[in-house]
Amino acid sequence: MSSIAIITARGGSKRIPKKNIREFCGRPIIEYSIEAALKSKAFNEVMVSTDSEEIAEIARNCGASVPFMRSEKTSNDFATTRDVLLEVLENYKRVGKSFDYMTCIYPTAPFVTAEKLCETLRIIEDSKSSILVPVVKFSFPPQRAYIVNEGQLVWKWDEFKATRSQDLEPFYHDAGQFYVYNVGDYLAQNGSISTNMMPYILPETEVQDIDTFEDWKMAELKFNLMKEKTNELASDN
């Protein structure tokens, strides 16, 4: 089994300037994604796709490869992760390299660990799934949501208003950290996989969207909590 880790790190960030290399708990945040991928020893290649020479230099210093820079087409505000991954696979194909599995890791994902990457690769291979998606349960059941209708607060789903929350079906959302793909299935579906999807459920304490400076502070708090728990478990063993 051959596998590649692709860390997608565009240079332009509007809401948090230089977000992908901003200091997070004392280190550029992208370092955590690179370190987890390298430490896992699960990948034949750990590469960073970027349009920024500054990010590329940090990536190389951390041990990742940057064999080519991202094109202008996949560096604008409208480019999707799918566009980037297809470009990376095509560039490797041109130099005679192909992979069975691909893990796309976001550069602002400090909660990703080597252990999680190894485990998810094993899961997708054993399950023969097309994609594995890390997800987290909604902290409050969406079935109990309100909406505002003509200025009045009303239940979105009236049939659930008296149902105990523990009796409602759990809903999950994308954790926004990494994705694991069967490359053959990915290419066959041109990067748009919507079936044969395997979930990987994460605890809420290890998930945090980072879109604002307030999010950033919350992520640092959760990250330090995760580290403390890891250290406690290690000492117990």
Protein backbone atom coordinates (compact mmCIF):
# COMPACT_ATOMS: atom_id res chain seq x y z
CA MET A 1 0.00 0.00 0.00
CA SER A 2 1.41 3.38 -1.01
CA SER A 3 0.08 6.58 0.53
CA ILE A 4 0.65 10.30 0.42
CA ALA A 5 -0.11 13.05 2.92
CA ILE A 6 -1.03 16.33 1.26
CA ILE A 7 -1.10 19.43 3.46
CA THR A 8 -2.98 22.21 1.69
CA ALA A 9 -1.60 25.60 2.71
CA ARG A 10 -2.48 28.61 0.58
CA GLY A 11 -0.67 31.85 1.35
CA GLY A 12 -3.60 34.26 1.28
CA SER A 13 -5.78 34.45 4.40
CA LYS A 14 -8.17 37.34 4.88
CA ARG A 15 -9.71 36.93 8.34
CA ILE A 16 -6.52 35.83 10.13
CA PRO A 17 -3.43 37.14 8.29
CA LYS A 18 -0.80 34.44 7.61
CA LYS A 19 -3.13 31.99 9.34
CA ASN A 20 -1.34 28.86 8.14
CA ILE A 21 1.96 29.85 9.72
CA ARG A 22 0.71 31.97 12.63
CA GLU A 23 2.17 30.98 16.00
CA PHE A 24 0.00 28.46 17.83
CA CYS A 25 1.15 27.49 21.33
CA GLY A 26 4.68 28.57 20.46
CA ARG A 27 5.05 27.13 16.94
CA PRO A 28 3.80 27.90 13.42
CA ILE A 29 0.49 26.06 13.29
CA ILE A 30 1.33 24.18 10.08
CA GLU A 31 4.16 22.42 11.93
CA TYR A 32 1.66 20.31 13.87
CA SER A 33 0.14 18.84 10.70
CA ILE A 34 3.55 18.13 9.18
CA GLU A 35 4.89 16.63 12.39
CA ALA A 36 1.89 14.31 12.80
CA ALA A 37 2.23 13.04 9.23
CA LEU A 38 5.98 12.45 9.51
CA LYS A 39 5.77 10.89 12.96
CA SER A 40 3.11 8.43 11.78
CA LYS A 41 5.59 6.86 9.32
CA ALA A 42 2.47 5.86 7.38
CA PHE A 43 3.21 7.82 4.21
CA ASN A 44 5.56 7.33 1.30
CA GLU A 45 5.43 11.08 0.77
CA VAL A 46 4.54 14.02 3.03
CA MET A 47 4.13 17.14 0.90
CA VAL A 48 2.81 20.66 1.22
CA SER A 49 0.83 22.26 -1.60
CA THR A 50 1.28 26.03 -1.41
CA ASP A 51 1.67 29.16 -3.49
CA SER A 52 3.77 30.88 -0.79
CA GLU A 53 7.57 30.70 -0.69
CA GLU A 54 7.43 31.59 3.02
CA ILE A 55 5.19 28.62 3.77
CA ALA A 56 7.29 26.39 1.51
CA GLU A 57 10.47 27.28 3.42
CA ILE A 58 8.85 26.49 6.79
CA ALA A 59 7.50 23.22 5.38
CA ARG A 60 10.91 22.12 4.11
CA ASN A 61 12.55 23.03 7.41
CA CYS A 62 10.03 20.76 9.15
CA GLY A 63 10.89 17.85 6.88
CA ALA A 64 8.03 17.99 4.37
CA SER A 65 8.61 18.13 0.64
CA VAL A 66 7.44 20.89 -1.67
CA PRO A 67 8.17 19.35 -5.08
CA PHE A 68 6.18 21.99 -6.97
CA MET A 69 4.34 25.20 -6.22
CA ARG A 70 0.60 25.51 -6.51
CA SER A 71 -0.66 26.97 -9.78
CA GLU A 72 -2.36 30.34 -10.04
CA LYS A 73 -5.62 28.54 -10.87
CA THR A 74 -5.64 26.68 -7.54
CA SER A 75 -4.42 29.64 -5.48
CA ASN A 76 -7.32 32.04 -5.87
CA ASP A 77 -10.24 32.57 -3.47
CA PHE A 78 -12.54 30.33 -5.51
CA ALA A 79 -10.28 27.26 -5.73
CA THR A 80 -11.55 24.25 -3.79
CA THR A 81 -9.67 21.54 -1.92
CA ARG A 82 -10.79 19.19 -4.68
CA ASP A 83 -9.07 21.40 -7.27
CA VAL A 84 -5.86 21.35 -5.27
CA LEU A 85 -5.82 17.58 -4.71
CA LEU A 86 -6.52 16.78 -8.35
CA GLU A 87 -3.68 19.09 -9.37
CA VAL A 88 -1.28 17.44 -6.91
CA LEU A 89 -2.13 13.94 -8.14
CA GLU A 90 -1.74 15.04 -11.76
CA ASN A 91 1.67 16.58 -11.06
CA TYR A 92 2.87 13.37 -9.41
CA LYS A 93 1.51 11.33 -12.32
CA ARG A 94 3.66 13.38 -14.69
CA VAL A 95 6.80 12.26 -12.87
CA GLY A 96 5.65 8.64 -12.72
CA LYS A 97 4.36 8.53 -9.14
CA SER A 98 0.99 7.22 -8.03
CA PHE A 99 -0.56 6.30 -4.68
CA ASP A 100 -3.23 3.94 -3.38
CA TYR A 101 -4.37 6.22 -0.56
CA MET A 102 -4.27 9.94 0.04
CA THR A 103 -4.71 11.85 3.29
CA CYS A 104 -5.50 15.53 2.93
CA ILE A 105 -4.54 17.39 6.11
CA TYR A 106 -5.42 21.01 6.72
CA PRO A 107 -2.55 23.23 7.92
CA THR A 108 -4.64 24.57 10.81
CA ALA A 109 -5.31 21.17 12.40
CA PRO A 110 -3.16 20.91 15.54
CA PHE A 111 -5.47 18.21 16.97
CA VAL A 112 -4.36 15.72 14.29
CA THR A 113 -1.96 13.14 15.70
CA ALA A 114 0.23 10.43 14.23
CA GLU A 115 -1.93 7.84 15.98
CA LYS A 116 -5.12 9.14 14.36
CA LEU A 117 -3.51 9.13 10.91
CA CYS A 118 -2.29 5.55 11.29
CA GLU A 119 -5.63 4.36 12.62
CA THR A 120 -7.68 6.00 9.88
CA LEU A 121 -5.50 4.57 7.13
CA ARG A 122 -6.00 1.10 8.61
CA ILE A 123 -9.75 1.67 8.84
CA ILE A 124 -10.21 2.80 5.23
CA GLU A 125 -8.09 -0.06 3.91
CA ASP A 126 -9.90 -2.71 5.99
CA SER A 127 -13.36 -1.32 5.26
CA LYS A 128 -12.66 -0.78 1.54
CA SER A 129 -14.36 2.61 1.83
CA SER A 130 -13.88 5.35 -0.73
CA ILE A 131 -13.41 8.11 1.84
CA LEU A 132 -13.04 8.43 5.61
CA VAL A 133 -14.31 11.66 7.18
CA PRO A 134 -13.55 12.71 10.78
CA VAL A 135 -16.78 14.00 12.31
CA VAL A 136 -18.00 15.37 15.63
CA LYS A 137 -21.46 15.18 17.16
CA PHE A 138 -23.44 18.41 17.40
CA SER A 139 -23.25 19.50 21.03
CA PHE A 140 -26.95 20.45 20.98
CA PRO A 141 -29.48 18.36 19.01
CA PRO A 142 -30.44 20.22 15.80
CA GLN A 143 -33.91 18.65 15.98
CA ARG A 144 -34.65 21.03 18.88
CA ALA A 145 -33.84 24.11 16.83
CA TYR A 146 -35.93 27.28 16.64
CA ILE A 147 -36.40 29.52 13.61
CA VAL A 148 -37.70 33.08 13.39
CA ASN A 149 -40.88 33.25 11.30
CA GLU A 150 -42.40 36.71 10.73
CA GLY A 151 -40.73 37.98 13.88
CA GLN A 152 -41.94 35.07 16.01
CA LEU A 153 -39.84 32.31 17.52
CA VAL A 154 -41.16 28.91 16.44
CA TRP A 155 -39.97 25.33 16.52
CA LYS A 156 -38.31 24.19 13.29
CA TRP A 157 -39.54 20.63 13.92
CA ASP A 158 -42.60 20.80 16.15
CA GLU A 159 -42.73 17.00 16.49
CA PHE A 160 -39.50 16.98 18.49
CA LYS A 161 -40.25 19.78 20.98
CA ALA A 162 -41.19 17.38 23.78
CA THR A 163 -38.67 14.65 22.95
CA ARG A 164 -35.84 14.13 25.42
CA SER A 165 -32.50 15.07 23.88
CA GLN A 166 -31.03 11.66 24.74
CA ASP A 167 -33.79 10.02 22.68
CA LEU A 168 -33.01 11.99 19.53
CA GLU A 169 -30.83 10.57 16.77
CA PRO A 170 -27.27 12.01 16.99
CA PHE A 171 -26.31 14.38 14.18
CA TYR A 172 -22.67 14.85 13.14
CA HIS A 173 -20.72 17.44 11.20
CA ASP A 174 -17.37 17.52 9.44
CA ALA A 175 -14.54 18.14 11.92
CA GLY A 176 -12.59 20.07 9.27
CA GLN A 177 -9.20 18.53 10.03
CA PHE A 178 -8.31 15.83 7.50
CA TYR A 179 -9.77 13.36 5.01
CA VAL A 180 -8.56 9.96 3.86
CA TYR A 181 -9.27 8.84 0.30
CA ASN A 182 -8.95 5.74 -1.81
CA VAL A 183 -7.13 7.40 -4.73
CA GLY A 184 -8.57 5.09 -7.39
CA ASP A 185 -12.13 5.87 -6.29
CA TYR A 186 -11.29 9.56 -5.94
CA LEU A 187 -10.01 9.84 -9.49
CA ALA A 188 -12.81 7.69 -10.89
CA GLN A 189 -15.33 10.13 -9.42
CA ASN A 190 -13.26 13.20 -10.33
CA GLY A 191 -12.81 14.17 -6.69
CA SER A 192 -16.51 14.20 -5.78
CA ILE A 193 -17.17 11.23 -3.52
CA SER A 194 -20.59 11.10 -1.86
CA THR A 195 -21.07 7.37 -1.22
CA ASN A 196 -19.15 4.58 0.55
CA MET A 197 -18.14 7.06 3.24
CA MET A 198 -16.68 5.91 6.57
CA PRO A 199 -17.07 8.11 9.69
CA TYR A 200 -14.31 8.62 12.25
CA ILE A 201 -15.91 10.13 15.34
CA LEU A 202 -13.88 12.67 17.32
CA PRO A 203 -14.62 14.13 20.77
CA GLU A 204 -15.77 17.75 20.89
CA THR A 205 -12.72 18.62 23.01
CA GLU A 206 -10.47 17.82 20.03
CA VAL A 207 -12.36 19.81 17.40
CA GLN A 208 -12.39 23.55 16.82
CA ASP A 209 -13.08 25.62 13.72
CA ILE A 210 -10.50 28.40 13.49
CA ASP A 211 -12.02 31.29 11.57
CA THR A 212 -11.58 34.17 14.06
CA PHE A 213 -9.08 35.25 16.69
CA GLU A 214 -11.55 34.10 19.35
CA ASP A 215 -11.62 30.65 17.70
CA TRP A 216 -7.82 30.65 17.79
CA LYS A 217 -7.75 31.23 21.54
CA MET A 218 -10.35 28.52 22.12
CA ALA A 219 -8.33 26.08 19.98
CA GLU A 220 -5.23 26.75 22.08
CA LEU A 221 -7.18 26.03 25.26
CA LYS A 222 -8.53 22.76 23.85
CA PHE A 223 -5.10 21.80 22.50
CA ASN A 224 -3.46 22.28 25.90
CA LEU A 225 -6.25 20.23 27.48
CA MET A 226 -5.65 17.43 24.96
CA LYS A 227 -1.91 17.49 25.72
CA GLU A 228 -2.58 17.28 29.46
CA LYS A 229 -4.85 14.26 28.98
CA THR A 230 -2.25 12.57 26.76
CA ASN A 231 0.49 13.16 29.34
CA GLU A 232 -1.73 11.84 32.13
CA LEU A 233 -2.45 8.65 30.19
CA ALA A 234 1.24 8.20 29.43
CA SER A 235 2.20 8.59 33.09
CA ASP A 236 -0.49 6.10 34.16
CA ASN A 237 0.98 3.53 31.82
